[in-house]
Amino acid sequence: MREQLKAVLVYMDQFLDALPDDKIGEFAESKHFDVYKKLFNELGLD
């Protein structure tokens, strides 16, 4: 499960990079961004 979660997060990171800056900013200001960053850190993906 851990490896699957890593794969999804890497995919999401690439997906987010393809979004326009305003959408990336919108996500960065959301409550979900903190969880996203925490998962990246805990899984050693940062």
PDB file of N, CA and C in Angstrom:
ATOM      1  N   MET A   1       0.825  -1.192   0.000  1.00  0.00           N
ATOM      2  CA  MET A   1       0.000   0.000   0.000  1.00  0.00           C
ATOM      3  C   MET A   1       0.872   1.259   0.000  1.00  0.00           C
ATOM      4  N   ARG A   2       1.958   1.225   0.756  1.00  0.00           N
ATOM      5  CA  ARG A   2       2.848   2.388   0.849  1.00  0.00           C
ATOM      6  C   ARG A   2       3.412   2.760  -0.529  1.00  0.00           C
ATOM      7  N   GLU A   3       3.821   1.768  -1.284  1.00  0.00           N
ATOM      8  CA  GLU A   3       4.387   2.029  -2.612  1.00  0.00           C
ATOM      9  C   GLU A   3       3.317   2.581  -3.568  1.00  0.00           C
ATOM     10  N   GLN A   4       2.105   2.117  -3.423  1.00  0.00           N
ATOM     11  CA  GLN A   4       1.012   2.627  -4.249  1.00  0.00           C
ATOM     12  C   GLN A   4       0.727   4.086  -3.912  1.00  0.00           C
ATOM     13  N   LEU A   5       0.751   4.410  -2.631  1.00  0.00           N
ATOM     14  CA  LEU A   5       0.536   5.788  -2.205  1.00  0.00           C
ATOM     15  C   LEU A   5       1.646   6.693  -2.744  1.00  0.00           C
ATOM     16  N   LYS A   6       2.878   6.229  -2.684  1.00  0.00           N
ATOM     17  CA  LYS A   6       3.994   6.990  -3.239  1.00  0.00           C
ATOM     18  C   LYS A   6       3.789   7.241  -4.723  1.00  0.00           C
ATOM     19  N   ALA A   7       3.391   6.209  -5.454  1.00  0.00           N
ATOM     20  CA  ALA A   7       3.190   6.334  -6.900  1.00  0.00           C
ATOM     21  C   ALA A   7       2.106   7.355  -7.219  1.00  0.00           C
ATOM     22  N   VAL A   8       1.024   7.335  -6.458  1.00  0.00           N
ATOM     23  CA  VAL A   8      -0.076   8.285  -6.685  1.00  0.00           C
ATOM     24  C   VAL A   8       0.381   9.707  -6.366  1.00  0.00           C
ATOM     25  N   LEU A   9       1.131   9.885  -5.292  1.00  0.00           N
ATOM     26  CA  LEU A   9       1.602  11.222  -4.932  1.00  0.00           C
ATOM     27  C   LEU A   9       2.579  11.775  -5.961  1.00  0.00           C
ATOM     28  N   VAL A  10       3.452  10.944  -6.479  1.00  0.00           N
ATOM     29  CA  VAL A  10       4.374  11.390  -7.527  1.00  0.00           C
ATOM     30  C   VAL A  10       3.580  11.789  -8.773  1.00  0.00           C
ATOM     31  N   TYR A  11       2.590  11.000  -9.125  1.00  0.00           N
ATOM     32  CA  TYR A  11       1.731  11.334 -10.265  1.00  0.00           C
ATOM     33  C   TYR A  11       1.007  12.658 -10.035  1.00  0.00           C
ATOM     34  N   MET A  12       0.446  12.828  -8.841  1.00  0.00           N
ATOM     35  CA  MET A  12      -0.268  14.066  -8.527  1.00  0.00           C
ATOM     36  C   MET A  12       0.665  15.276  -8.578  1.00  0.00           C
ATOM     37  N   ASP A  13       1.892  15.103  -8.121  1.00  0.00           N
ATOM     38  CA  ASP A  13       2.854  16.192  -8.164  1.00  0.00           C
ATOM     39  C   ASP A  13       3.132  16.606  -9.606  1.00  0.00           C
ATOM     40  N   GLN A  14       3.294  15.637 -10.484  1.00  0.00           N
ATOM     41  CA  GLN A  14       3.510  15.926 -11.909  1.00  0.00           C
ATOM     42  C   GLN A  14       2.273  16.570 -12.522  1.00  0.00           C
ATOM     43  N   PHE A  15       1.115  16.095 -12.129  1.00  0.00           N
ATOM     44  CA  PHE A  15      -0.143  16.648 -12.616  1.00  0.00           C
ATOM     45  C   PHE A  15      -0.283  18.112 -12.190  1.00  0.00           C
ATOM     46  N   LEU A  16       0.019  18.390 -10.935  1.00  0.00           N
ATOM     47  CA  LEU A  16      -0.085  19.759 -10.423  1.00  0.00           C
ATOM     48  C   LEU A  16       0.874  20.697 -11.158  1.00  0.00           C
ATOM     49  N   ASP A  17       2.062  20.205 -11.493  1.00  0.00           N
ATOM     50  CA  ASP A  17       3.032  21.030 -12.217  1.00  0.00           C
ATOM     51  C   ASP A  17       2.505  21.475 -13.579  1.00  0.00           C
ATOM     52  N   ALA A  18       1.594  20.703 -14.144  1.00  0.00           N
ATOM     53  CA  ALA A  18       1.045  21.019 -15.456  1.00  0.00           C
ATOM     54  C   ALA A  18      -0.113  22.018 -15.394  1.00  0.00           C
ATOM     55  N   LEU A  19      -0.589  22.304 -14.193  1.00  0.00           N
ATOM     56  CA  LEU A  19      -1.709  23.235 -14.040  1.00  0.00           C
ATOM     57  C   LEU A  19      -1.242  24.686 -14.156  1.00  0.00           C
ATOM     58  N   PRO A  20      -2.164  25.576 -14.505  1.00  0.00           N
ATOM     59  CA  PRO A  20      -1.833  27.013 -14.512  1.00  0.00           C
ATOM     60  C   PRO A  20      -1.480  27.486 -13.098  1.00  0.00           C
ATOM     61  N   ASP A  21      -0.658  28.514 -13.027  1.00  0.00           N
ATOM     62  CA  ASP A  21      -0.184  29.028 -11.745  1.00  0.00           C
ATOM     63  C   ASP A  21      -1.315  29.375 -10.780  1.00  0.00           C
ATOM     64  N   ASP A  22      -2.420  29.905 -11.294  1.00  0.00           N
ATOM     65  CA  ASP A  22      -3.508  30.278 -10.390  1.00  0.00           C
ATOM     66  C   ASP A  22      -4.136  29.060  -9.728  1.00  0.00           C
ATOM     67  N   LYS A  23      -4.215  27.942 -10.435  1.00  0.00           N
ATOM     68  CA  LYS A  23      -4.767  26.722  -9.852  1.00  0.00           C
ATOM     69  C   LYS A  23      -3.789  26.105  -8.851  1.00  0.00           C
ATOM     70  N   ILE A  24      -2.503  26.184  -9.139  1.00  0.00           N
ATOM     71  CA  ILE A  24      -1.500  25.696  -8.196  1.00  0.00           C
ATOM     72  C   ILE A  24      -1.570  26.520  -6.919  1.00  0.00           C
ATOM     73  N   GLY A  25      -1.686  27.832  -7.063  1.00  0.00           N
ATOM     74  CA  GLY A  25      -1.817  28.713  -5.904  1.00  0.00           C
ATOM     75  C   GLY A  25      -3.065  28.417  -5.101  1.00  0.00           C
ATOM     76  N   GLU A  26      -4.144  28.135  -5.798  1.00  0.00           N
ATOM     77  CA  GLU A  26      -5.407  27.799  -5.120  1.00  0.00           C
ATOM     78  C   GLU A  26      -5.228  26.530  -4.283  1.00  0.00           C
ATOM     79  N   PHE A  27      -4.568  25.540  -4.829  1.00  0.00           N
ATOM     80  CA  PHE A  27      -4.321  24.307  -4.088  1.00  0.00           C
ATOM     81  C   PHE A  27      -3.381  24.562  -2.912  1.00  0.00           C
ATOM     82  N   ALA A  28      -2.338  25.355  -3.134  1.00  0.00           N
ATOM     83  CA  ALA A  28      -1.356  25.646  -2.079  1.00  0.00           C
ATOM     84  C   ALA A  28      -1.997  26.367  -0.894  1.00  0.00           C
ATOM     85  N   GLU A  29      -3.082  27.070  -1.126  1.00  0.00           N
ATOM     86  CA  GLU A  29      -3.768  27.789  -0.053  1.00  0.00           C
ATOM     87  C   GLU A  29      -4.885  26.965   0.589  1.00  0.00           C
ATOM     88  N   SER A  30      -5.133  25.786   0.063  1.00  0.00           N
ATOM     89  CA  SER A  30      -6.218  24.958   0.595  1.00  0.00           C
ATOM     90  C   SER A  30      -5.759  24.156   1.807  1.00  0.00           C
ATOM     91  N   LYS A  31      -6.721  23.650   2.543  1.00  0.00           N
ATOM     92  CA  LYS A  31      -6.413  22.823   3.712  1.00  0.00           C
ATOM     93  C   LYS A  31      -5.788  21.492   3.288  1.00  0.00           C
ATOM     94  N   HIS A  32      -5.989  21.102   2.059  1.00  0.00           N
ATOM     95  CA  HIS A  32      -5.468  19.828   1.567  1.00  0.00           C
ATOM     96  C   HIS A  32      -3.966  19.881   1.293  1.00  0.00           C
ATOM     97  N   PHE A  33      -3.451  21.064   1.067  1.00  0.00           N
ATOM     98  CA  PHE A  33      -2.031  21.193   0.759  1.00  0.00           C
ATOM     99  C   PHE A  33      -1.165  20.775   1.943  1.00  0.00           C
ATOM    100  N   ASP A  34      -1.565  21.105   3.144  1.00  0.00           N
ATOM    101  CA  ASP A  34      -0.793  20.705   4.327  1.00  0.00           C
ATOM    102  C   ASP A  34      -0.713  19.184   4.442  1.00  0.00           C
ATOM    103  N   VAL A  35      -1.806  18.504   4.167  1.00  0.00           N
ATOM    104  CA  VAL A  35      -1.817  17.042   4.199  1.00  0.00           C
ATOM    105  C   VAL A  35      -0.923  16.496   3.089  1.00  0.00           C
ATOM    106  N   TYR A  36      -1.015  17.087   1.918  1.00  0.00           N
ATOM    107  CA  TYR A  36      -0.186  16.692   0.768  1.00  0.00           C
ATOM    108  C   TYR A  36       1.295  16.804   1.123  1.00  0.00           C
ATOM    109  N   LYS A  37       1.702  17.934   1.690  1.00  0.00           N
ATOM    110  CA  LYS A  37       3.101  18.132   2.087  1.00  0.00           C
ATOM    111  C   LYS A  37       3.512  17.142   3.173  1.00  0.00           C
ATOM    112  N   LYS A  38       2.640  16.920   4.140  1.00  0.00           N
ATOM    113  CA  LYS A  38       2.942  15.998   5.236  1.00  0.00           C
ATOM    114  C   LYS A  38       3.167  14.586   4.701  1.00  0.00           C
ATOM    115  N   LEU A  39       2.312  14.144   3.791  1.00  0.00           N
ATOM    116  CA  LEU A  39       2.481  12.815   3.198  1.00  0.00           C
ATOM    117  C   LEU A  39       3.800  12.718   2.435  1.00  0.00           C
ATOM    118  N   PHE A  40       4.122  13.738   1.662  1.00  0.00           N
ATOM    119  CA  PHE A  40       5.385  13.747   0.925  1.00  0.00           C
ATOM    120  C   PHE A  40       6.562  13.605   1.883  1.00  0.00           C
ATOM    121  N   ASN A  41       6.528  14.354   2.974  1.00  0.00           N
ATOM    122  CA  ASN A  41       7.614  14.298   3.952  1.00  0.00           C
ATOM    123  C   ASN A  41       7.700  12.931   4.624  1.00  0.00           C
ATOM    124  N   GLU A  42       6.569  12.415   5.067  1.00  0.00           N
ATOM    125  CA  GLU A  42       6.541  11.141   5.780  1.00  0.00           C
ATOM    126  C   GLU A  42       6.966   9.972   4.900  1.00  0.00           C
ATOM    127  N   LEU A  43       6.702  10.079   3.593  1.00  0.00           N
ATOM    128  CA  LEU A  43       7.067   9.006   2.685  1.00  0.00           C
ATOM    129  C   LEU A  43       8.441   9.209   2.045  1.00  0.00           C
ATOM    130  N   GLY A  44       9.110  10.298   2.446  1.00  0.00           N
ATOM    131  CA  GLY A  44      10.453  10.554   1.936  1.00  0.00           C
ATOM    132  C   GLY A  44      10.491  10.968   0.480  1.00  0.00           C
ATOM    133  N   LEU A  45       9.453  11.653   0.034  1.00  0.00           N
ATOM    134  CA  LEU A  45       9.370  12.070  -1.367  1.00  0.00           C
ATOM    135  C   LEU A  45       9.756  13.529  -1.582  1.00  0.00           C
ATOM    136  N   ASP A  46      10.108  14.228  -0.530  1.00  0.00           N
ATOM    137  CA  ASP A  46      10.419  15.643  -0.674  1.00  0.00           C
ATOM    138  C   ASP A  46      11.832  15.885  -1.125  1.00  0.00           C
TER     139      ASP A  46
END
